[in-house]
Amino acid sequence: MYKLIATSTLAVFLIACSPKEEVKTVQFYLDNEDALELKMAYCKNNPGKAMTDENCINSLEASSKLKDKVMFGEGFKVDYSSLDKEKG
């Protein structure tokens, strides 16, 4: 019984202390399209994690901004602030 408790405690400790992936900014993904493509592929294959993973969220935002840029040109800016007000 003691071995089971010790092993379980050790496993929890190792999982909790495992290194986490550095959170990349939206700008990082805009500047590094290869990293953006890799992260987007990962997030598409892990949709459950994509909803809570900060890097998935930031890469999705960067992808959206790049699509807006392609569709509407360099100077186009979308104002999403009215959407935030509707939520509150």
PDB file of N, CA and C in Angstrom:
ATOM      1  N   MET A   1       0.822  -1.193   0.000  1.00  0.00           N
ATOM      2  CA  MET A   1       0.000   0.000   0.000  1.00  0.00           C
ATOM      3  C   MET A   1       0.867   1.258   0.000  1.00  0.00           C
ATOM      4  N   TYR A   2       1.944   1.202   0.812  1.00  0.00           N
ATOM      5  CA  TYR A   2       2.854   2.335   0.875  1.00  0.00           C
ATOM      6  C   TYR A   2       3.464   2.628  -0.498  1.00  0.00           C
ATOM      7  N   LYS A   3       3.830   1.574  -1.238  1.00  0.00           N
ATOM      8  CA  LYS A   3       4.428   1.750  -2.568  1.00  0.00           C
ATOM      9  C   LYS A   3       3.439   2.409  -3.532  1.00  0.00           C
ATOM     10  N   LEU A   4       2.181   2.028  -3.433  1.00  0.00           N
ATOM     11  CA  LEU A   4       1.158   2.612  -4.299  1.00  0.00           C
ATOM     12  C   LEU A   4       1.000   4.107  -4.017  1.00  0.00           C
ATOM     13  N   ILE A   5       0.951   4.472  -2.752  1.00  0.00           N
ATOM     14  CA  ILE A   5       0.816   5.891  -2.384  1.00  0.00           C
ATOM     15  C   ILE A   5       2.047   6.674  -2.822  1.00  0.00           C
ATOM     16  N   ALA A   6       3.229   6.111  -2.601  1.00  0.00           N
ATOM     17  CA  ALA A   6       4.468   6.780  -2.987  1.00  0.00           C
ATOM     18  C   ALA A   6       4.552   6.943  -4.503  1.00  0.00           C
ATOM     19  N   THR A   7       4.180   5.915  -5.233  1.00  0.00           N
ATOM     20  CA  THR A   7       4.209   5.967  -6.693  1.00  0.00           C
ATOM     21  C   THR A   7       3.197   6.981  -7.217  1.00  0.00           C
ATOM     22  N   SER A   8       2.013   7.008  -6.651  1.00  0.00           N
ATOM     23  CA  SER A   8       0.983   7.958  -7.070  1.00  0.00           C
ATOM     24  C   SER A   8       1.407   9.387  -6.794  1.00  0.00           C
ATOM     25  N   THR A   9       1.985   9.613  -5.623  1.00  0.00           N
ATOM     26  CA  THR A   9       2.461  10.947  -5.257  1.00  0.00           C
ATOM     27  C   THR A   9       3.562  11.398  -6.205  1.00  0.00           C
ATOM     28  N   LEU A  10       4.481  10.509  -6.515  1.00  0.00           N
ATOM     29  CA  LEU A  10       5.564  10.827  -7.432  1.00  0.00           C
ATOM     30  C   LEU A  10       5.022  11.137  -8.825  1.00  0.00           C
ATOM     31  N   ALA A  11       4.067  10.376  -9.286  1.00  0.00           N
ATOM     32  CA  ALA A  11       3.481  10.602 -10.611  1.00  0.00           C
ATOM     33  C   ALA A  11       2.799  11.965 -10.679  1.00  0.00           C
ATOM     34  N   VAL A  12       2.049  12.310  -9.652  1.00  0.00           N
ATOM     35  CA  VAL A  12       1.373  13.614  -9.616  1.00  0.00           C
ATOM     36  C   VAL A  12       2.404  14.731  -9.618  1.00  0.00           C
ATOM     37  N   PHE A  13       3.459  14.579  -8.835  1.00  0.00           N
ATOM     38  CA  PHE A  13       4.519  15.581  -8.769  1.00  0.00           C
ATOM     39  C   PHE A  13       5.188  15.763 -10.128  1.00  0.00           C
ATOM     40  N   LEU A  14       5.506  14.682 -10.799  1.00  0.00           N
ATOM     41  CA  LEU A  14       6.179  14.770 -12.099  1.00  0.00           C
ATOM     42  C   LEU A  14       5.293  15.409 -13.159  1.00  0.00           C
ATOM     43  N   ILE A  15       4.020  15.083 -13.140  1.00  0.00           N
ATOM     44  CA  ILE A  15       3.087  15.681 -14.104  1.00  0.00           C
ATOM     45  C   ILE A  15       2.936  17.173 -13.844  1.00  0.00           C
ATOM     46  N   ALA A  16       2.808  17.552 -12.588  1.00  0.00           N
ATOM     47  CA  ALA A  16       2.626  18.960 -12.232  1.00  0.00           C
ATOM     48  C   ALA A  16       3.866  19.784 -12.541  1.00  0.00           C
ATOM     49  N   CYS A  17       5.026  19.182 -12.464  1.00  0.00           N
ATOM     50  CA  CYS A  17       6.275  19.916 -12.673  1.00  0.00           C
ATOM     51  C   CYS A  17       6.818  19.786 -14.088  1.00  0.00           C
ATOM     52  N   SER A  18       6.091  19.136 -14.965  1.00  0.00           N
ATOM     53  CA  SER A  18       6.575  18.992 -16.329  1.00  0.00           C
ATOM     54  C   SER A  18       6.620  20.368 -17.002  1.00  0.00           C
ATOM     55  N   PRO A  19       7.619  20.597 -17.842  1.00  0.00           N
ATOM     56  CA  PRO A  19       7.747  21.919 -18.462  1.00  0.00           C
ATOM     57  C   PRO A  19       6.568  22.209 -19.394  1.00  0.00           C
ATOM     58  N   LYS A  20       6.062  23.410 -19.279  1.00  0.00           N
ATOM     59  CA  LYS A  20       4.946  23.816 -20.133  1.00  0.00           C
ATOM     60  C   LYS A  20       5.503  24.545 -21.343  1.00  0.00           C
ATOM     61  N   GLU A  21       4.766  24.476 -22.418  1.00  0.00           N
ATOM     62  CA  GLU A  21       5.160  25.161 -23.643  1.00  0.00           C
ATOM     63  C   GLU A  21       5.067  26.671 -23.424  1.00  0.00           C
ATOM     64  N   GLU A  22       6.068  27.374 -23.895  1.00  0.00           N
ATOM     65  CA  GLU A  22       6.066  28.836 -23.792  1.00  0.00           C
ATOM     66  C   GLU A  22       4.903  29.392 -24.600  1.00  0.00           C
ATOM     67  N   VAL A  23       4.187  30.338 -24.020  1.00  0.00           N
ATOM     68  CA  VAL A  23       3.062  30.956 -24.724  1.00  0.00           C
ATOM     69  C   VAL A  23       3.612  31.963 -25.726  1.00  0.00           C
ATOM     70  N   LYS A  24       3.256  31.757 -26.979  1.00  0.00           N
ATOM     71  CA  LYS A  24       3.674  32.641 -28.066  1.00  0.00           C
ATOM     72  C   LYS A  24       2.576  33.676 -28.309  1.00  0.00           C
ATOM     73  N   THR A  25       2.974  34.859 -28.710  1.00  0.00           N
ATOM     74  CA  THR A  25       2.008  35.925 -28.968  1.00  0.00           C
ATOM     75  C   THR A  25       1.432  35.795 -30.376  1.00  0.00           C
ATOM     76  N   VAL A  26       0.351  36.519 -30.604  1.00  0.00           N
ATOM     77  CA  VAL A  26      -0.238  36.586 -31.949  1.00  0.00           C
ATOM     78  C   VAL A  26       0.804  37.134 -32.919  1.00  0.00           C
ATOM     79  N   GLN A  27       1.537  38.160 -32.486  1.00  0.00           N
ATOM     80  CA  GLN A  27       2.558  38.763 -33.352  1.00  0.00           C
ATOM     81  C   GLN A  27       3.639  37.750 -33.719  1.00  0.00           C
ATOM     82  N   PHE A  28       4.012  36.876 -32.774  1.00  0.00           N
ATOM     83  CA  PHE A  28       4.993  35.833 -33.079  1.00  0.00           C
ATOM     84  C   PHE A  28       4.510  34.984 -34.242  1.00  0.00           C
ATOM     85  N   TYR A  29       3.252  34.567 -34.179  1.00  0.00           N
ATOM     86  CA  TYR A  29       2.711  33.717 -35.247  1.00  0.00           C
ATOM     87  C   TYR A  29       2.567  34.484 -36.555  1.00  0.00           C
ATOM     88  N   LEU A  30       2.288  35.782 -36.487  1.00  0.00           N
ATOM     89  CA  LEU A  30       2.225  36.587 -37.709  1.00  0.00           C
ATOM     90  C   LEU A  30       3.603  36.685 -38.365  1.00  0.00           C
ATOM     91  N   ASP A  31       4.639  36.752 -37.543  1.00  0.00           N
ATOM     92  CA  ASP A  31       6.010  36.888 -38.049  1.00  0.00           C
ATOM     93  C   ASP A  31       6.633  35.552 -38.438  1.00  0.00           C
ATOM     94  N   ASN A  32       6.066  34.429 -37.968  1.00  0.00           N
ATOM     95  CA  ASN A  32       6.641  33.100 -38.203  1.00  0.00           C
ATOM     96  C   ASN A  32       5.570  32.169 -38.765  1.00  0.00           C
ATOM     97  N   GLU A  33       5.346  32.264 -40.054  1.00  0.00           N
ATOM     98  CA  GLU A  33       4.264  31.496 -40.668  1.00  0.00           C
ATOM     99  C   GLU A  33       4.486  29.983 -40.601  1.00  0.00           C
ATOM    100  N   ASP A  34       5.741  29.539 -40.569  1.00  0.00           N
ATOM    101  CA  ASP A  34       6.002  28.096 -40.427  1.00  0.00           C
ATOM    102  C   ASP A  34       5.516  27.610 -39.063  1.00  0.00           C
ATOM    103  N   ALA A  35       5.815  28.382 -38.019  1.00  0.00           N
ATOM    104  CA  ALA A  35       5.348  28.028 -36.670  1.00  0.00           C
ATOM    105  C   ALA A  35       3.822  28.080 -36.613  1.00  0.00           C
ATOM    106  N   LEU A  36       3.245  29.049 -37.310  1.00  0.00           N
ATOM    107  CA  LEU A  36       1.785  29.169 -37.359  1.00  0.00           C
ATOM    108  C   LEU A  36       1.162  27.920 -37.989  1.00  0.00           C
ATOM    109  N   GLU A  37       1.707  27.477 -39.099  1.00  0.00           N
ATOM    110  CA  GLU A  37       1.169  26.297 -39.778  1.00  0.00           C
ATOM    111  C   GLU A  37       1.290  25.042 -38.904  1.00  0.00           C
ATOM    112  N   LEU A  38       2.427  24.891 -38.235  1.00  0.00           N
ATOM    113  CA  LEU A  38       2.615  23.727 -37.362  1.00  0.00           C
ATOM    114  C   LEU A  38       1.623  23.746 -36.204  1.00  0.00           C
ATOM    115  N   LYS A  39       1.458  24.901 -35.569  1.00  0.00           N
ATOM    116  CA  LYS A  39       0.553  24.988 -34.428  1.00  0.00           C
ATOM    117  C   LYS A  39      -0.890  24.798 -34.876  1.00  0.00           C
ATOM    118  N   MET A  40      -1.270  25.357 -36.020  1.00  0.00           N
ATOM    119  CA  MET A  40      -2.635  25.192 -36.516  1.00  0.00           C
ATOM    120  C   MET A  40      -2.915  23.724 -36.820  1.00  0.00           C
ATOM    121  N   ALA A  41      -1.946  23.016 -37.378  1.00  0.00           N
ATOM    122  CA  ALA A  41      -2.127  21.589 -37.658  1.00  0.00           C
ATOM    123  C   ALA A  41      -2.304  20.816 -36.353  1.00  0.00           C
ATOM    124  N   TYR A  42      -1.499  21.146 -35.353  1.00  0.00           N
ATOM    125  CA  TYR A  42      -1.629  20.493 -34.048  1.00  0.00           C
ATOM    126  C   TYR A  42      -3.011  20.748 -33.451  1.00  0.00           C
ATOM    127  N   CYS A  43      -3.454  21.993 -33.508  1.00  0.00           N
ATOM    128  CA  CYS A  43      -4.734  22.373 -32.900  1.00  0.00           C
ATOM    129  C   CYS A  43      -5.915  21.722 -33.623  1.00  0.00           C
ATOM    130  N   LYS A  44      -5.816  21.604 -34.952  1.00  0.00           N
ATOM    131  CA  LYS A  44      -6.891  20.956 -35.708  1.00  0.00           C
ATOM    132  C   LYS A  44      -7.000  19.473 -35.369  1.00  0.00           C
ATOM    133  N   ASN A  45      -5.865  18.862 -35.049  1.00  0.00           N
ATOM    134  CA  ASN A  45      -5.868  17.444 -34.694  1.00  0.00           C
ATOM    135  C   ASN A  45      -6.209  17.204 -33.229  1.00  0.00           C
ATOM    136  N   ASN A  46      -6.267  18.261 -32.431  1.00  0.00           N
ATOM    137  CA  ASN A  46      -6.579  18.163 -31.005  1.00  0.00           C
ATOM    138  C   ASN A  46      -7.633  19.203 -30.634  1.00  0.00           C
ATOM    139  N   PRO A  47      -8.843  19.091 -31.163  1.00  0.00           N
ATOM    140  CA  PRO A  47      -9.843  20.143 -30.958  1.00  0.00           C
ATOM    141  C   PRO A  47     -10.224  20.365 -29.499  1.00  0.00           C
ATOM    142  N   GLY A  48     -10.174  19.342 -28.675  1.00  0.00           N
ATOM    143  CA  GLY A  48     -10.484  19.522 -27.259  1.00  0.00           C
ATOM    144  C   GLY A  48      -9.473  20.406 -26.568  1.00  0.00           C
ATOM    145  N   LYS A  49      -8.220  20.242 -26.914  1.00  0.00           N
ATOM    146  CA  LYS A  49      -7.149  21.055 -26.339  1.00  0.00           C
ATOM    147  C   LYS A  49      -7.137  22.450 -26.955  1.00  0.00           C
ATOM    148  N   ALA A  50      -7.526  22.552 -28.193  1.00  0.00           N
ATOM    149  CA  ALA A  50      -7.476  23.832 -28.909  1.00  0.00           C
ATOM    150  C   ALA A  50      -8.335  24.899 -28.243  1.00  0.00           C
ATOM    151  N   MET A  51      -9.396  24.490 -27.583  1.00  0.00           N
ATOM    152  CA  MET A  51     -10.304  25.454 -26.969  1.00  0.00           C
ATOM    153  C   MET A  51      -9.704  26.119 -25.735  1.00  0.00           C
ATOM    154  N   THR A  52      -8.709  25.472 -25.116  1.00  0.00           N
ATOM    155  CA  THR A  52      -8.131  26.024 -23.893  1.00  0.00           C
ATOM    156  C   THR A  52      -6.652  26.345 -24.004  1.00  0.00           C
ATOM    157  N   ASP A  53      -5.991  25.876 -25.032  1.00  0.00           N
ATOM    158  CA  ASP A  53      -4.561  26.098 -25.202  1.00  0.00           C
ATOM    159  C   ASP A  53      -4.304  27.514 -25.695  1.00  0.00           C
ATOM    160  N   GLU A  54      -3.513  28.296 -24.950  1.00  0.00           N
ATOM    161  CA  GLU A  54      -3.272  29.691 -25.307  1.00  0.00           C
ATOM    162  C   GLU A  54      -2.596  29.832 -26.672  1.00  0.00           C
ATOM    163  N   ASN A  55      -1.691  28.903 -26.990  1.00  0.00           N
ATOM    164  CA  ASN A  55      -1.016  28.978 -28.284  1.00  0.00           C
ATOM    165  C   ASN A  55      -1.964  28.647 -29.431  1.00  0.00           C
ATOM    166  N   CYS A  56      -2.909  27.752 -29.209  1.00  0.00           N
ATOM    167  CA  CYS A  56      -3.909  27.475 -30.243  1.00  0.00           C
ATOM    168  C   CYS A  56      -4.772  28.716 -30.476  1.00  0.00           C
ATOM    169  N   ILE A  57      -5.170  29.359 -29.398  1.00  0.00           N
ATOM    170  CA  ILE A  57      -5.994  30.555 -29.511  1.00  0.00           C
ATOM    171  C   ILE A  57      -5.220  31.669 -30.221  1.00  0.00           C
ATOM    172  N   ASN A  58      -3.956  31.868 -29.846  1.00  0.00           N
ATOM    173  CA  ASN A  58      -3.157  32.922 -30.473  1.00  0.00           C
ATOM    174  C   ASN A  58      -2.858  32.618 -31.939  1.00  0.00           C
ATOM    175  N   SER A  59      -2.625  31.355 -32.263  1.00  0.00           N
ATOM    176  CA  SER A  59      -2.362  31.015 -33.666  1.00  0.00           C
ATOM    177  C   SER A  59      -3.628  31.173 -34.503  1.00  0.00           C
ATOM    178  N   LEU A  60      -4.776  30.862 -33.936  1.00  0.00           N
ATOM    179  CA  LEU A  60      -6.042  31.051 -34.647  1.00  0.00           C
ATOM    180  C   LEU A  60      -6.290  32.536 -34.922  1.00  0.00           C
ATOM    181  N   GLU A  61      -6.002  33.373 -33.944  1.00  0.00           N
ATOM    182  CA  GLU A  61      -6.160  34.823 -34.132  1.00  0.00           C
ATOM    183  C   GLU A  61      -5.207  35.334 -35.214  1.00  0.00           C
ATOM    184  N   ALA A  62      -3.963  34.849 -35.193  1.00  0.00           N
ATOM    185  CA  ALA A  62      -2.995  35.257 -36.210  1.00  0.00           C
ATOM    186  C   ALA A  62      -3.450  34.810 -37.593  1.00  0.00           C
ATOM    187  N   SER A  63      -3.966  33.603 -37.688  1.00  0.00           N
ATOM    188  CA  SER A  63      -4.464  33.088 -38.962  1.00  0.00           C
ATOM    189  C   SER A  63      -5.618  33.950 -39.474  1.00  0.00           C
ATOM    190  N   SER A  64      -6.496  34.331 -38.581  1.00  0.00           N
ATOM    191  CA  SER A  64      -7.631  35.182 -38.947  1.00  0.00           C
ATOM    192  C   SER A  64      -7.148  36.540 -39.462  1.00  0.00           C
ATOM    193  N   LYS A  65      -6.157  37.103 -38.786  1.00  0.00           N
ATOM    194  CA  LYS A  65      -5.617  38.400 -39.215  1.00  0.00           C
ATOM    195  C   LYS A  65      -4.955  38.295 -40.587  1.00  0.00           C
ATOM    196  N   LEU A  66      -4.238  37.191 -40.819  1.00  0.00           N
ATOM    197  CA  LEU A  66      -3.606  37.005 -42.133  1.00  0.00           C
ATOM    198  C   LEU A  66      -4.648  36.868 -43.235  1.00  0.00           C
ATOM    199  N   LYS A  67      -5.740  36.164 -42.939  1.00  0.00           N
ATOM    200  CA  LYS A  67      -6.809  36.028 -43.932  1.00  0.00           C
ATOM    201  C   LYS A  67      -7.462  37.368 -44.222  1.00  0.00           C
ATOM    202  N   ASP A  68      -7.694  38.182 -43.190  1.00  0.00           N
ATOM    203  CA  ASP A  68      -8.248  39.521 -43.392  1.00  0.00           C
ATOM    204  C   ASP A  68      -7.320  40.361 -44.272  1.00  0.00           C
ATOM    205  N   LYS A  69      -6.021  40.234 -44.018  1.00  0.00           N
ATOM    206  CA  LYS A  69      -5.025  40.986 -44.779  1.00  0.00           C
ATOM    207  C   LYS A  69      -5.047  40.586 -46.254  1.00  0.00           C
ATOM    208  N   VAL A  70      -5.172  39.289 -46.510  1.00  0.00           N
ATOM    209  CA  VAL A  70      -5.201  38.792 -47.891  1.00  0.00           C
ATOM    210  C   VAL A  70      -6.493  39.228 -48.582  1.00  0.00           C
ATOM    211  N   MET A  71      -7.612  39.129 -47.872  1.00  0.00           N
ATOM    212  CA  MET A  71      -8.900  39.435 -48.478  1.00  0.00           C
ATOM    213  C   MET A  71      -9.121  40.932 -48.691  1.00  0.00           C
ATOM    214  N   PHE A  72      -8.690  41.745 -47.713  1.00  0.00           N
ATOM    215  CA  PHE A  72      -9.051  43.155 -47.739  1.00  0.00           C
ATOM    216  C   PHE A  72      -7.875  44.104 -47.906  1.00  0.00           C
ATOM    217  N   GLY A  73      -6.676  43.594 -47.902  1.00  0.00           N
ATOM    218  CA  GLY A  73      -5.513  44.452 -48.086  1.00  0.00           C
ATOM    219  C   GLY A  73      -4.844  44.809 -46.773  1.00  0.00           C
ATOM    220  N   GLU A  74      -3.711  45.437 -46.908  1.00  0.00           N
ATOM    221  CA  GLU A  74      -2.854  45.750 -45.767  1.00  0.00           C
ATOM    222  C   GLU A  74      -3.493  46.711 -44.776  1.00  0.00           C
ATOM    223  N   GLY A  75      -4.183  47.736 -45.264  1.00  0.00           N
ATOM    224  CA  GLY A  75      -4.698  48.774 -44.383  1.00  0.00           C
ATOM    225  C   GLY A  75      -6.030  48.455 -43.725  1.00  0.00           C
ATOM    226  N   PHE A  76      -6.610  47.313 -44.032  1.00  0.00           N
ATOM    227  CA  PHE A  76      -7.935  46.973 -43.511  1.00  0.00           C
ATOM    228  C   PHE A  76      -7.844  46.566 -42.048  1.00  0.00           C
ATOM    229  N   LYS A  77      -8.699  47.150 -41.219  1.00  0.00           N
ATOM    230  CA  LYS A  77      -8.751  46.775 -39.806  1.00  0.00           C
ATOM    231  C   LYS A  77     -10.192  46.502 -39.439  1.00  0.00           C
ATOM    232  N   VAL A  78     -10.398  45.441 -38.709  1.00  0.00           N
ATOM    233  CA  VAL A  78     -11.738  45.082 -38.255  1.00  0.00           C
ATOM    234  C   VAL A  78     -11.869  45.511 -36.805  1.00  0.00           C
ATOM    235  N   ASP A  79     -12.963  46.190 -36.486  1.00  0.00           N
ATOM    236  CA  ASP A  79     -13.211  46.622 -35.119  1.00  0.00           C
ATOM    237  C   ASP A  79     -14.158  45.619 -34.450  1.00  0.00           C
ATOM    238  N   TYR A  80     -13.583  44.803 -33.569  1.00  0.00           N
ATOM    239  CA  TYR A  80     -14.366  43.788 -32.870  1.00  0.00           C
ATOM    240  C   TYR A  80     -14.871  44.277 -31.506  1.00  0.00           C
ATOM    241  N   SER A  81     -14.596  45.522 -31.162  1.00  0.00           N
ATOM    242  CA  SER A  81     -14.935  45.998 -29.830  1.00  0.00           C
ATOM    243  C   SER A  81     -16.448  45.966 -29.575  1.00  0.00           C
ATOM    244  N   SER A  82     -17.257  46.153 -30.591  1.00  0.00           N
ATOM    245  CA  SER A  82     -18.706  46.131 -30.375  1.00  0.00           C
ATOM    246  C   SER A  82     -19.182  44.727 -29.992  1.00  0.00           C
ATOM    247  N   LEU A  83     -18.466  43.700 -30.437  1.00  0.00           N
ATOM    248  CA  LEU A  83     -18.819  42.334 -30.065  1.00  0.00           C
ATOM    249  C   LEU A  83     -18.561  42.086 -28.592  1.00  0.00           C
ATOM    250  N   ASP A  84     -17.489  42.663 -28.072  1.00  0.00           N
ATOM    251  CA  ASP A  84     -17.179  42.503 -26.657  1.00  0.00           C
ATOM    252  C   ASP A  84     -18.245  43.168 -25.789  1.00  0.00           C
ATOM    253  N   LYS A  85     -18.763  44.304 -26.226  1.00  0.00           N
ATOM    254  CA  LYS A  85     -19.787  45.019 -25.468  1.00  0.00           C
ATOM    255  C   LYS A  85     -21.097  44.234 -25.425  1.00  0.00           C
ATOM    256  N   GLU A  86     -21.397  43.504 -26.509  1.00  0.00           N
ATOM    257  CA  GLU A  86     -22.623  42.716 -26.556  1.00  0.00           C
ATOM    258  C   GLU A  86     -22.594  41.567 -25.569  1.00  0.00           C
ATOM    259  N   LYS A  87     -21.398  40.996 -25.339  1.00  0.00           N
ATOM    260  CA  LYS A  87     -21.262  39.879 -24.411  1.00  0.00           C
ATOM    261  C   LYS A  87     -21.528  40.321 -22.981  1.00  0.00           C
ATOM    262  N   GLY A  88     -21.037  41.505 -22.614  1.00  0.00           N
ATOM    263  CA  GLY A  88     -21.095  41.982 -21.226  1.00  0.00           C
ATOM    264  C   GLY A  88     -22.415  42.462 -20.874  1.00  0.00           C
TER     265      GLY A  88
END
